Amino acid sequence: LIFFGVFILGLVGFSLTRSAKNIPSFEMIKRQYPSSETVLLSSNGEEISSHRFDEKKRSFRWQSAEQVSPTFVQKLIQQEDRYFYSHKGIVWLSLAKALLLAPHSIVEGHPLRGASTITMQLVKKIFAITSKSVFGKIQQLYFAYKVEKVWSKQQILEAYLNIVDFRGELRGVEAASLGLFQKSS
């Protein structure tokens, strides 16, 4: 049974490496980032008018990590991925614990323990990985590892702050901050 599991994982890993998409650059992701708002500015940079053209999600202009409150960034990392600066996309111990506790959680009716890193959550959005299956998780692991090899931690964090859904329709930290607290991030 263990041999069969290792064989299946090997096949999946091989197929991922054969069919894997190229990892987009951070600059490409940033350039392609869609804002749901069009803003008309005066010659001195003041907003004259704005129009929302995407009613399904709310996202604003790309925010650099330096533009976001350092306290927010610190709390986000504490909550979502406390080992962010020390791992290479995957925290294997957390993943193993989640796998070991999954059967017990399902039987007891408790929520499953999460093991996704910030990088894994980001690649789920970038590569539109919607499957919650084992194959979907393997895709997340693979792409998280690949992104960590190409992007800096600062780039991963900045992309996460702009791309990940924070609540409902609010995509990115600026939309979440304005939508929930009426304050810029």
N, C-alpha and C. Protein backbone atom coordinates (compact mmCIF):
# COMPACT_ATOMS: atom_id res chain seq x y z
N LEU A 1 0.83 -1.19 0.00
CA LEU A 1 0.00 0.00 0.00
C LEU A 1 0.88 1.26 0.00
N ILE A 2 1.93 1.26 0.82
CA ILE A 2 2.84 2.41 0.86
C ILE A 2 3.54 2.56 -0.49
N PHE A 3 3.97 1.43 -1.07
CA PHE A 3 4.63 1.47 -2.38
C PHE A 3 3.68 2.07 -3.42
N PHE A 4 2.41 1.67 -3.39
CA PHE A 4 1.43 2.18 -4.34
C PHE A 4 1.26 3.69 -4.18
N GLY A 5 1.20 4.18 -2.94
CA GLY A 5 1.06 5.62 -2.67
C GLY A 5 2.26 6.40 -3.19
N VAL A 6 3.46 5.88 -2.95
CA VAL A 6 4.68 6.53 -3.43
C VAL A 6 4.70 6.52 -4.96
N PHE A 7 4.27 5.42 -5.56
CA PHE A 7 4.22 5.31 -7.03
C PHE A 7 3.27 6.36 -7.62
N ILE A 8 2.09 6.49 -7.03
CA ILE A 8 1.10 7.47 -7.51
C ILE A 8 1.64 8.89 -7.36
N LEU A 9 2.22 9.21 -6.19
CA LEU A 9 2.80 10.54 -5.99
C LEU A 9 3.93 10.81 -6.99
N GLY A 10 4.71 9.80 -7.28
CA GLY A 10 5.78 9.94 -8.28
C GLY A 10 5.22 10.24 -9.66
N LEU A 11 4.17 9.54 -10.05
CA LEU A 11 3.53 9.79 -11.34
C LEU A 11 2.96 11.20 -11.42
N VAL A 12 2.29 11.62 -10.36
CA VAL A 12 1.73 12.97 -10.32
C VAL A 12 2.84 14.00 -10.41
N GLY A 13 3.90 13.81 -9.63
CA GLY A 13 5.04 14.73 -9.66
C GLY A 13 5.67 14.79 -11.04
N PHE A 14 5.83 13.64 -11.67
CA PHE A 14 6.40 13.59 -13.01
C PHE A 14 5.52 14.33 -14.01
N SER A 15 4.20 14.11 -13.92
CA SER A 15 3.29 14.78 -14.85
C SER A 15 3.29 16.28 -14.63
N LEU A 16 3.44 16.72 -13.39
CA LEU A 16 3.52 18.16 -13.12
C LEU A 16 4.76 18.77 -13.75
N THR A 17 5.89 18.09 -13.62
CA THR A 17 7.11 18.65 -14.18
C THR A 17 7.06 18.65 -15.70
N ARG A 18 6.38 17.70 -16.30
CA ARG A 18 6.27 17.64 -17.75
C ARG A 18 5.30 18.68 -18.29
N SER A 19 4.22 18.97 -17.52
CA SER A 19 3.18 19.86 -18.05
C SER A 19 3.12 21.19 -17.30
N ALA A 20 4.09 21.45 -16.46
CA ALA A 20 4.04 22.67 -15.64
C ALA A 20 4.13 23.92 -16.50
N LYS A 21 3.33 24.90 -16.13
CA LYS A 21 3.39 26.21 -16.79
C LYS A 21 4.69 26.88 -16.37
N ASN A 22 5.15 27.79 -17.20
CA ASN A 22 6.29 28.60 -16.79
C ASN A 22 5.85 29.48 -15.64
N ILE A 23 6.74 29.72 -14.72
CA ILE A 23 6.44 30.59 -13.59
C ILE A 23 6.50 32.03 -14.10
N PRO A 24 5.40 32.77 -13.98
CA PRO A 24 5.45 34.17 -14.43
C PRO A 24 6.33 35.00 -13.50
N SER A 25 6.89 36.04 -14.04
CA SER A 25 7.71 36.92 -13.21
C SER A 25 6.81 37.77 -12.32
N PHE A 26 7.37 38.28 -11.25
CA PHE A 26 6.63 39.17 -10.36
C PHE A 26 6.15 40.39 -11.15
N GLU A 27 7.01 40.94 -11.99
CA GLU A 27 6.67 42.12 -12.77
C GLU A 27 5.48 41.85 -13.69
N MET A 28 5.42 40.65 -14.28
CA MET A 28 4.31 40.30 -15.16
C MET A 28 3.00 40.24 -14.37
N ILE A 29 3.04 39.62 -13.20
CA ILE A 29 1.84 39.53 -12.36
C ILE A 29 1.38 40.93 -11.96
N LYS A 30 2.32 41.76 -11.59
CA LYS A 30 2.00 43.13 -11.18
C LYS A 30 1.39 43.92 -12.36
N ARG A 31 1.98 43.77 -13.54
CA ARG A 31 1.47 44.46 -14.74
C ARG A 31 0.06 44.02 -15.10
N GLN A 32 -0.23 42.74 -14.92
CA GLN A 32 -1.53 42.20 -15.31
C GLN A 32 -2.60 42.34 -14.23
N TYR A 33 -2.24 42.90 -13.11
CA TYR A 33 -3.17 43.03 -11.99
C TYR A 33 -4.35 43.91 -12.39
N PRO A 34 -5.56 43.38 -12.27
CA PRO A 34 -6.73 44.16 -12.68
C PRO A 34 -7.37 44.92 -11.51
N SER A 35 -7.48 46.21 -11.66
CA SER A 35 -8.23 47.00 -10.69
C SER A 35 -9.69 47.01 -11.13
N SER A 36 -10.60 47.00 -10.20
CA SER A 36 -12.02 47.05 -10.55
C SER A 36 -12.51 48.48 -10.68
N GLU A 37 -11.62 49.42 -10.45
CA GLU A 37 -11.98 50.84 -10.47
C GLU A 37 -11.18 51.58 -11.54
N THR A 38 -11.83 52.53 -12.18
CA THR A 38 -11.15 53.48 -13.04
C THR A 38 -11.23 54.81 -12.33
N VAL A 39 -10.07 55.45 -12.17
CA VAL A 39 -10.02 56.71 -11.44
C VAL A 39 -9.50 57.79 -12.37
N LEU A 40 -10.20 58.92 -12.40
CA LEU A 40 -9.77 60.07 -13.17
C LEU A 40 -9.10 61.04 -12.21
N LEU A 41 -7.83 61.38 -12.51
CA LEU A 41 -7.05 62.26 -11.63
C LEU A 41 -6.83 63.62 -12.29
N SER A 42 -6.74 64.64 -11.47
CA SER A 42 -6.40 65.98 -11.97
C SER A 42 -4.92 66.03 -12.27
N SER A 43 -4.46 67.12 -12.86
CA SER A 43 -3.04 67.25 -13.21
C SER A 43 -2.14 67.25 -11.97
N ASN A 44 -2.71 67.61 -10.80
CA ASN A 44 -1.89 67.57 -9.58
C ASN A 44 -2.10 66.28 -8.77
N GLY A 45 -2.77 65.27 -9.38
CA GLY A 45 -2.89 63.95 -8.77
C GLY A 45 -4.07 63.75 -7.85
N GLU A 46 -4.99 64.71 -7.78
CA GLU A 46 -6.18 64.55 -6.94
C GLU A 46 -7.27 63.83 -7.71
N GLU A 47 -8.01 62.98 -7.01
CA GLU A 47 -9.09 62.23 -7.65
C GLU A 47 -10.26 63.16 -7.99
N ILE A 48 -10.67 63.11 -9.25
CA ILE A 48 -11.82 63.91 -9.71
C ILE A 48 -13.06 63.03 -9.69
N SER A 49 -12.90 61.80 -10.18
CA SER A 49 -14.04 60.90 -10.28
C SER A 49 -13.55 59.47 -10.36
N SER A 50 -14.42 58.53 -10.01
CA SER A 50 -14.07 57.11 -10.14
C SER A 50 -15.30 56.33 -10.59
N HIS A 51 -15.04 55.20 -11.24
CA HIS A 51 -16.13 54.34 -11.71
C HIS A 51 -15.73 52.89 -11.50
N ARG A 52 -16.62 52.12 -10.91
CA ARG A 52 -16.39 50.69 -10.71
C ARG A 52 -16.97 49.94 -11.89
N PHE A 53 -16.14 49.13 -12.56
CA PHE A 53 -16.63 48.39 -13.72
C PHE A 53 -16.68 46.89 -13.52
N ASP A 54 -16.20 46.38 -12.40
CA ASP A 54 -16.28 44.94 -12.11
C ASP A 54 -17.09 44.78 -10.82
N GLU A 55 -18.32 44.31 -10.96
CA GLU A 55 -19.21 44.19 -9.80
C GLU A 55 -18.98 42.90 -9.00
N LYS A 56 -18.20 41.95 -9.54
CA LYS A 56 -17.99 40.67 -8.86
C LYS A 56 -16.91 40.74 -7.79
N LYS A 57 -15.92 41.58 -8.02
CA LYS A 57 -14.86 41.73 -7.03
C LYS A 57 -14.46 43.19 -6.94
N ARG A 58 -13.86 43.52 -5.83
CA ARG A 58 -13.43 44.90 -5.61
C ARG A 58 -11.94 44.91 -5.36
N SER A 59 -11.20 45.55 -6.24
CA SER A 59 -9.75 45.66 -6.08
C SER A 59 -9.34 47.06 -6.52
N PHE A 60 -8.31 47.57 -5.87
CA PHE A 60 -7.84 48.92 -6.17
C PHE A 60 -6.43 48.86 -6.75
N ARG A 61 -5.81 50.01 -6.89
CA ARG A 61 -4.45 50.05 -7.43
C ARG A 61 -3.50 49.19 -6.60
N TRP A 62 -2.52 48.64 -7.27
CA TRP A 62 -1.49 47.80 -6.64
C TRP A 62 -0.80 48.61 -5.54
N GLN A 63 -0.63 47.99 -4.39
CA GLN A 63 0.06 48.62 -3.26
C GLN A 63 1.41 47.93 -3.07
N SER A 64 2.47 48.71 -2.98
CA SER A 64 3.76 48.09 -2.66
C SER A 64 3.70 47.68 -1.19
N ALA A 65 4.52 46.74 -0.82
CA ALA A 65 4.54 46.27 0.58
C ALA A 65 4.88 47.41 1.53
N GLU A 66 5.69 48.36 1.07
CA GLU A 66 6.07 49.50 1.90
C GLU A 66 4.90 50.44 2.16
N GLN A 67 3.88 50.43 1.29
CA GLN A 67 2.72 51.29 1.46
C GLN A 67 1.73 50.74 2.49
N VAL A 68 1.90 49.49 2.85
CA VAL A 68 0.97 48.82 3.78
C VAL A 68 1.52 48.95 5.20
N SER A 69 0.62 49.13 6.14
CA SER A 69 1.01 49.27 7.54
C SER A 69 1.91 48.11 7.98
N PRO A 70 3.09 48.40 8.53
CA PRO A 70 3.98 47.34 8.99
C PRO A 70 3.33 46.48 10.08
N THR A 71 2.48 47.08 10.89
CA THR A 71 1.78 46.32 11.93
C THR A 71 0.85 45.29 11.29
N PHE A 72 0.13 45.71 10.23
CA PHE A 72 -0.75 44.78 9.54
C PHE A 72 0.05 43.62 8.94
N VAL A 73 1.16 43.94 8.28
CA VAL A 73 1.99 42.91 7.66
C VAL A 73 2.50 41.93 8.72
N GLN A 74 2.95 42.46 9.85
CA GLN A 74 3.46 41.62 10.93
C GLN A 74 2.35 40.68 11.44
N LYS A 75 1.15 41.22 11.67
CA LYS A 75 0.03 40.41 12.17
C LYS A 75 -0.41 39.38 11.14
N LEU A 76 -0.39 39.77 9.87
CA LEU A 76 -0.76 38.85 8.79
C LEU A 76 0.18 37.65 8.76
N ILE A 77 1.47 37.92 8.83
CA ILE A 77 2.46 36.83 8.81
C ILE A 77 2.30 35.96 10.06
N GLN A 78 2.08 36.58 11.20
CA GLN A 78 1.86 35.82 12.45
C GLN A 78 0.66 34.88 12.31
N GLN A 79 -0.41 35.37 11.72
CA GLN A 79 -1.65 34.61 11.61
C GLN A 79 -1.62 33.57 10.50
N GLU A 80 -1.09 33.94 9.35
CA GLU A 80 -1.18 33.08 8.17
C GLU A 80 0.01 32.15 7.96
N ASP A 81 1.20 32.59 8.37
CA ASP A 81 2.39 31.81 8.02
C ASP A 81 3.58 32.28 8.86
N ARG A 82 3.62 31.86 10.11
CA ARG A 82 4.65 32.37 11.01
C ARG A 82 6.07 31.97 10.62
N TYR A 83 6.21 30.98 9.75
CA TYR A 83 7.54 30.57 9.28
C TYR A 83 7.86 31.15 7.89
N PHE A 84 7.12 32.16 7.47
CA PHE A 84 7.22 32.71 6.12
C PHE A 84 8.67 32.99 5.70
N TYR A 85 9.43 33.64 6.55
CA TYR A 85 10.78 34.03 6.16
C TYR A 85 11.80 32.89 6.25
N SER A 86 11.41 31.74 6.78
CA SER A 86 12.38 30.64 6.93
C SER A 86 12.08 29.41 6.08
N HIS A 87 10.96 29.36 5.38
CA HIS A 87 10.67 28.17 4.56
C HIS A 87 10.85 28.46 3.07
N LYS A 88 10.80 27.43 2.28
CA LYS A 88 10.95 27.55 0.84
C LYS A 88 9.61 27.26 0.14
N GLY A 89 8.53 27.80 0.72
CA GLY A 89 7.20 27.66 0.11
C GLY A 89 6.32 26.64 0.80
N ILE A 90 6.94 25.71 1.52
CA ILE A 90 6.20 24.62 2.14
C ILE A 90 6.73 24.40 3.55
N VAL A 91 5.83 24.23 4.50
CA VAL A 91 6.23 23.85 5.86
C VAL A 91 5.82 22.38 5.99
N TRP A 92 6.78 21.50 5.77
CA TRP A 92 6.50 20.07 5.72
C TRP A 92 5.92 19.54 7.03
N LEU A 93 6.39 20.04 8.16
CA LEU A 93 5.88 19.58 9.45
C LEU A 93 4.40 19.92 9.60
N SER A 94 4.01 21.13 9.23
CA SER A 94 2.60 21.54 9.30
C SER A 94 1.74 20.69 8.37
N LEU A 95 2.27 20.40 7.20
CA LEU A 95 1.56 19.58 6.23
C LEU A 95 1.36 18.16 6.78
N ALA A 96 2.40 17.60 7.38
CA ALA A 96 2.30 16.26 7.96
C ALA A 96 1.27 16.24 9.09
N LYS A 97 1.29 17.26 9.96
CA LYS A 97 0.32 17.33 11.06
C LYS A 97 -1.10 17.42 10.52
N ALA A 98 -1.30 18.22 9.49
CA ALA A 98 -2.64 18.36 8.90
C ALA A 98 -3.12 17.03 8.33
N LEU A 99 -2.22 16.30 7.67
CA LEU A 99 -2.59 15.01 7.10
C LEU A 99 -2.90 13.99 8.20
N LEU A 100 -2.11 14.01 9.27
CA LEU A 100 -2.33 13.06 10.36
C LEU A 100 -3.63 13.35 11.13
N LEU A 101 -3.96 14.62 11.26
CA LEU A 101 -5.16 15.00 12.02
C LEU A 101 -6.43 15.01 11.19
N ALA A 102 -6.32 14.95 9.87
CA ALA A 102 -7.49 15.05 8.99
C ALA A 102 -8.55 13.98 9.29
N PRO A 103 -8.19 12.69 9.39
CA PRO A 103 -9.24 11.69 9.65
C PRO A 103 -9.98 11.95 10.96
N HIS A 104 -9.25 12.31 12.01
CA HIS A 104 -9.86 12.59 13.30
C HIS A 104 -10.79 13.81 13.22
N SER A 105 -10.34 14.85 12.53
CA SER A 105 -11.15 16.06 12.39
C SER A 105 -12.44 15.78 11.65
N ILE A 106 -12.36 14.98 10.59
CA ILE A 106 -13.55 14.65 9.81
C ILE A 106 -14.54 13.86 10.65
N VAL A 107 -14.05 12.87 11.38
CA VAL A 107 -14.92 12.04 12.23
C VAL A 107 -15.56 12.88 13.33
N GLU A 108 -14.79 13.76 13.95
CA GLU A 108 -15.28 14.58 15.05
C GLU A 108 -16.09 15.79 14.58
N GLY A 109 -16.07 16.07 13.27
CA GLY A 109 -16.80 17.21 12.74
C GLY A 109 -16.12 18.55 12.96
N HIS A 110 -14.81 18.52 13.22
CA HIS A 110 -14.05 19.76 13.41
C HIS A 110 -13.52 20.23 12.05
N PRO A 111 -13.26 21.52 11.93
CA PRO A 111 -12.65 21.99 10.68
C PRO A 111 -11.26 21.39 10.51
N LEU A 112 -10.88 21.18 9.26
CA LEU A 112 -9.56 20.63 8.98
C LEU A 112 -8.49 21.67 9.30
N ARG A 113 -7.37 21.17 9.79
CA ARG A 113 -6.24 22.04 10.13
C ARG A 113 -5.58 22.50 8.84
N GLY A 114 -5.34 23.79 8.71
CA GLY A 114 -4.71 24.32 7.52
C GLY A 114 -3.21 24.18 7.56
N ALA A 115 -2.60 24.00 6.40
CA ALA A 115 -1.15 23.90 6.31
C ALA A 115 -0.61 24.73 5.16
N SER A 116 -1.46 25.54 4.56
CA SER A 116 -1.03 26.34 3.41
C SER A 116 -0.23 27.54 3.87
N THR A 117 0.90 27.72 3.23
CA THR A 117 1.74 28.89 3.50
C THR A 117 1.21 30.08 2.69
N ILE A 118 1.74 31.25 2.96
CA ILE A 118 1.37 32.43 2.17
C ILE A 118 1.67 32.17 0.70
N THR A 119 2.80 31.54 0.42
CA THR A 119 3.18 31.25 -0.96
C THR A 119 2.19 30.28 -1.60
N MET A 120 1.76 29.25 -0.86
CA MET A 120 0.79 28.30 -1.40
C MET A 120 -0.55 28.98 -1.68
N GLN A 121 -0.98 29.87 -0.80
CA GLN A 121 -2.23 30.59 -1.02
C GLN A 121 -2.12 31.49 -2.25
N LEU A 122 -0.95 32.10 -2.42
CA LEU A 122 -0.73 32.98 -3.57
C LEU A 122 -0.76 32.21 -4.88
N VAL A 123 -0.05 31.09 -4.95
CA VAL A 123 -0.03 30.33 -6.22
C VAL A 123 -1.40 29.74 -6.53
N LYS A 124 -2.19 29.48 -5.52
CA LYS A 124 -3.56 29.01 -5.76
C LYS A 124 -4.33 30.05 -6.56
N LYS A 125 -4.11 31.33 -6.25
CA LYS A 125 -4.78 32.42 -6.98
C LYS A 125 -4.13 32.64 -8.35
N ILE A 126 -2.80 32.67 -8.40
CA ILE A 126 -2.10 32.95 -9.66
C ILE A 126 -2.40 31.89 -10.71
N PHE A 127 -2.37 30.62 -10.32
CA PHE A 127 -2.57 29.53 -11.27
C PHE A 127 -4.01 29.02 -11.29
N ALA A 128 -4.91 29.74 -10.62
CA ALA A 128 -6.35 29.41 -10.58
C ALA A 128 -6.56 27.93 -10.23
N ILE A 129 -5.93 27.49 -9.16
CA ILE A 129 -6.09 26.11 -8.69
C ILE A 129 -7.35 26.08 -7.83
N THR A 130 -8.41 25.49 -8.37
CA THR A 130 -9.68 25.48 -7.66
C THR A 130 -9.94 24.16 -6.95
N SER A 131 -9.24 23.13 -7.37
CA SER A 131 -9.49 21.81 -6.80
C SER A 131 -8.97 21.72 -5.36
N LYS A 132 -9.79 21.16 -4.49
CA LYS A 132 -9.36 20.89 -3.12
C LYS A 132 -8.92 19.43 -2.98
N SER A 133 -8.73 18.78 -4.11
CA SER A 133 -8.33 17.38 -4.12
C SER A 133 -6.84 17.25 -3.80
N VAL A 134 -6.39 16.03 -3.70
CA VAL A 134 -4.98 15.75 -3.47
C VAL A 134 -4.16 16.32 -4.63
N PHE A 135 -4.67 16.16 -5.86
CA PHE A 135 -3.95 16.69 -7.03
C PHE A 135 -3.83 18.21 -6.95
N GLY A 136 -4.90 18.89 -6.53
CA GLY A 136 -4.87 20.35 -6.37
C GLY A 136 -3.83 20.76 -5.34
N LYS A 137 -3.75 20.03 -4.23
CA LYS A 137 -2.77 20.35 -3.19
C LYS A 137 -1.34 20.09 -3.70
N ILE A 138 -1.16 19.04 -4.47
CA ILE A 138 0.16 18.75 -5.03
C ILE A 138 0.57 19.86 -6.00
N GLN A 139 -0.39 20.37 -6.78
CA GLN A 139 -0.10 21.50 -7.67
C GLN A 139 0.35 22.71 -6.85
N GLN A 140 -0.36 22.99 -5.76
CA GLN A 140 0.02 24.10 -4.89
C GLN A 140 1.44 23.93 -4.36
N LEU A 141 1.76 22.74 -3.90
CA LEU A 141 3.09 22.47 -3.36
C LEU A 141 4.16 22.69 -4.42
N TYR A 142 3.92 22.15 -5.60
CA TYR A 142 4.88 22.26 -6.69
C TYR A 142 5.13 23.72 -7.07
N PHE A 143 4.03 24.47 -7.32
CA PHE A 143 4.18 25.85 -7.75
C PHE A 143 4.71 26.75 -6.64
N ALA A 144 4.38 26.45 -5.40
CA ALA A 144 4.93 27.23 -4.28
C ALA A 144 6.45 27.08 -4.25
N TYR A 145 6.91 25.86 -4.40
CA TYR A 145 8.35 25.60 -4.42
C TYR A 145 9.01 26.35 -5.58
N LYS A 146 8.40 26.29 -6.77
CA LYS A 146 8.96 26.95 -7.95
C LYS A 146 8.98 28.47 -7.80
N VAL A 147 7.88 29.05 -7.29
CA VAL A 147 7.81 30.50 -7.11
C VAL A 147 8.88 30.96 -6.12
N GLU A 148 9.06 30.20 -5.04
CA GLU A 148 10.06 30.56 -4.03
C GLU A 148 11.48 30.56 -4.61
N LYS A 149 11.71 29.78 -5.65
CA LYS A 149 13.04 29.75 -6.28
C LYS A 149 13.28 30.97 -7.16
N VAL A 150 12.19 31.58 -7.67
CA VAL A 150 12.31 32.67 -8.64
C VAL A 150 12.04 34.04 -8.02
N TRP A 151 11.12 34.14 -7.11
CA TRP A 151 10.72 35.41 -6.51
C TRP A 151 11.37 35.60 -5.15
N SER A 152 11.55 36.84 -4.75
CA SER A 152 12.04 37.13 -3.40
C SER A 152 10.87 37.06 -2.42
N LYS A 153 11.17 36.95 -1.14
CA LYS A 153 10.12 36.94 -0.11
C LYS A 153 9.32 38.24 -0.16
N GLN A 154 9.99 39.35 -0.41
CA GLN A 154 9.32 40.65 -0.48
C GLN A 154 8.32 40.67 -1.64
N GLN A 155 8.69 40.11 -2.79
CA GLN A 155 7.79 40.05 -3.94
C GLN A 155 6.60 39.14 -3.65
N ILE A 156 6.84 38.00 -3.01
CA ILE A 156 5.75 37.08 -2.66
C ILE A 156 4.77 37.77 -1.72
N LEU A 157 5.30 38.43 -0.72
CA LEU A 157 4.45 39.13 0.25
C LEU A 157 3.64 40.24 -0.43
N GLU A 158 4.28 41.02 -1.27
CA GLU A 158 3.59 42.11 -1.96
C GLU A 158 2.49 41.59 -2.88
N ALA A 159 2.78 40.55 -3.63
CA ALA A 159 1.76 39.97 -4.51
C ALA A 159 0.60 39.42 -3.68
N TYR A 160 0.91 38.75 -2.59
CA TYR A 160 -0.14 38.22 -1.70
C TYR A 160 -1.04 39.34 -1.20
N LEU A 161 -0.44 40.44 -0.76
CA LEU A 161 -1.20 41.57 -0.23
C LEU A 161 -2.15 42.16 -1.27
N ASN A 162 -1.84 41.99 -2.54
CA ASN A 162 -2.66 42.57 -3.60
C ASN A 162 -3.62 41.58 -4.26
N ILE A 163 -3.28 40.33 -4.28
CA ILE A 163 -4.04 39.35 -5.07
C ILE A 163 -5.03 38.52 -4.26
N VAL A 164 -4.71 38.21 -3.03
CA VAL A 164 -5.54 37.30 -2.25
C VAL A 164 -6.82 37.99 -1.79
N ASP A 165 -7.91 37.22 -1.82
CA ASP A 165 -9.20 37.71 -1.33
C ASP A 165 -9.17 37.75 0.18
N PHE A 166 -9.54 38.89 0.74
CA PHE A 166 -9.53 39.03 2.19
C PHE A 166 -10.89 38.78 2.80
N ARG A 167 -11.95 39.18 2.12
CA ARG A 167 -13.29 38.95 2.65
C ARG A 167 -14.29 39.21 1.54
N GLY A 168 -15.11 38.21 1.25
CA GLY A 168 -16.13 38.38 0.23
C GLY A 168 -15.55 38.86 -1.08
N GLU A 169 -16.06 39.98 -1.57
CA GLU A 169 -15.63 40.52 -2.85
C GLU A 169 -14.34 41.32 -2.77
N LEU A 170 -13.82 41.54 -1.57
CA LEU A 170 -12.67 42.42 -1.36
C LEU A 170 -11.36 41.70 -1.68
N ARG A 171 -10.75 42.11 -2.78
CA ARG A 171 -9.51 41.49 -3.24
C ARG A 171 -8.35 42.45 -2.98
N GLY A 172 -7.39 42.00 -2.21
CA GLY A 172 -6.22 42.81 -1.90
C GLY A 172 -6.42 43.63 -0.65
N VAL A 173 -5.31 44.00 -0.05
CA VAL A 173 -5.32 44.69 1.24
C VAL A 173 -5.94 46.08 1.15
N GLU A 174 -5.75 46.78 0.05
CA GLU A 174 -6.32 48.13 -0.07
C GLU A 174 -7.84 48.08 -0.12
N ALA A 175 -8.40 47.16 -0.91
CA ALA A 175 -9.85 47.02 -0.98
C ALA A 175 -10.41 46.58 0.36
N ALA A 176 -9.72 45.67 1.04
CA ALA A 176 -10.18 45.20 2.35
C ALA A 176 -10.16 46.33 3.37
N SER A 177 -9.08 47.09 3.37
CA SER A 177 -8.94 48.18 4.34
C SER A 177 -10.00 49.26 4.11
N LEU A 178 -10.18 49.65 2.85
CA LEU A 178 -11.18 50.68 2.56
C LEU A 178 -12.60 50.15 2.77
N GLY A 179 -12.83 48.90 2.37
CA GLY A 179 -14.16 48.31 2.49
C GLY A 179 -14.58 48.04 3.93
N LEU A 180 -13.64 47.64 4.77
CA LEU A 180 -13.98 47.28 6.14
C LEU A 180 -13.78 48.42 7.14
N PHE A 181 -12.77 49.26 6.91
CA PHE A 181 -12.41 50.27 7.91
C PHE A 181 -12.44 51.70 7.39
N GLN A 182 -12.75 51.87 6.07
CA GLN A 182 -12.79 53.19 5.46
C GLN A 182 -11.45 53.93 5.65
N LYS A 183 -10.35 53.17 5.62
CA LYS A 183 -9.01 53.73 5.74
C LYS A 183 -8.13 53.08 4.68
N SER A 184 -7.18 53.85 4.17
CA SER A 184 -6.22 53.28 3.24
C SER A 184 -5.29 52.34 4.01
N SER A 185 -4.83 51.32 3.31
CA SER A 185 -3.93 50.35 3.95
C SER A 185 -2.62 51.00 4.35
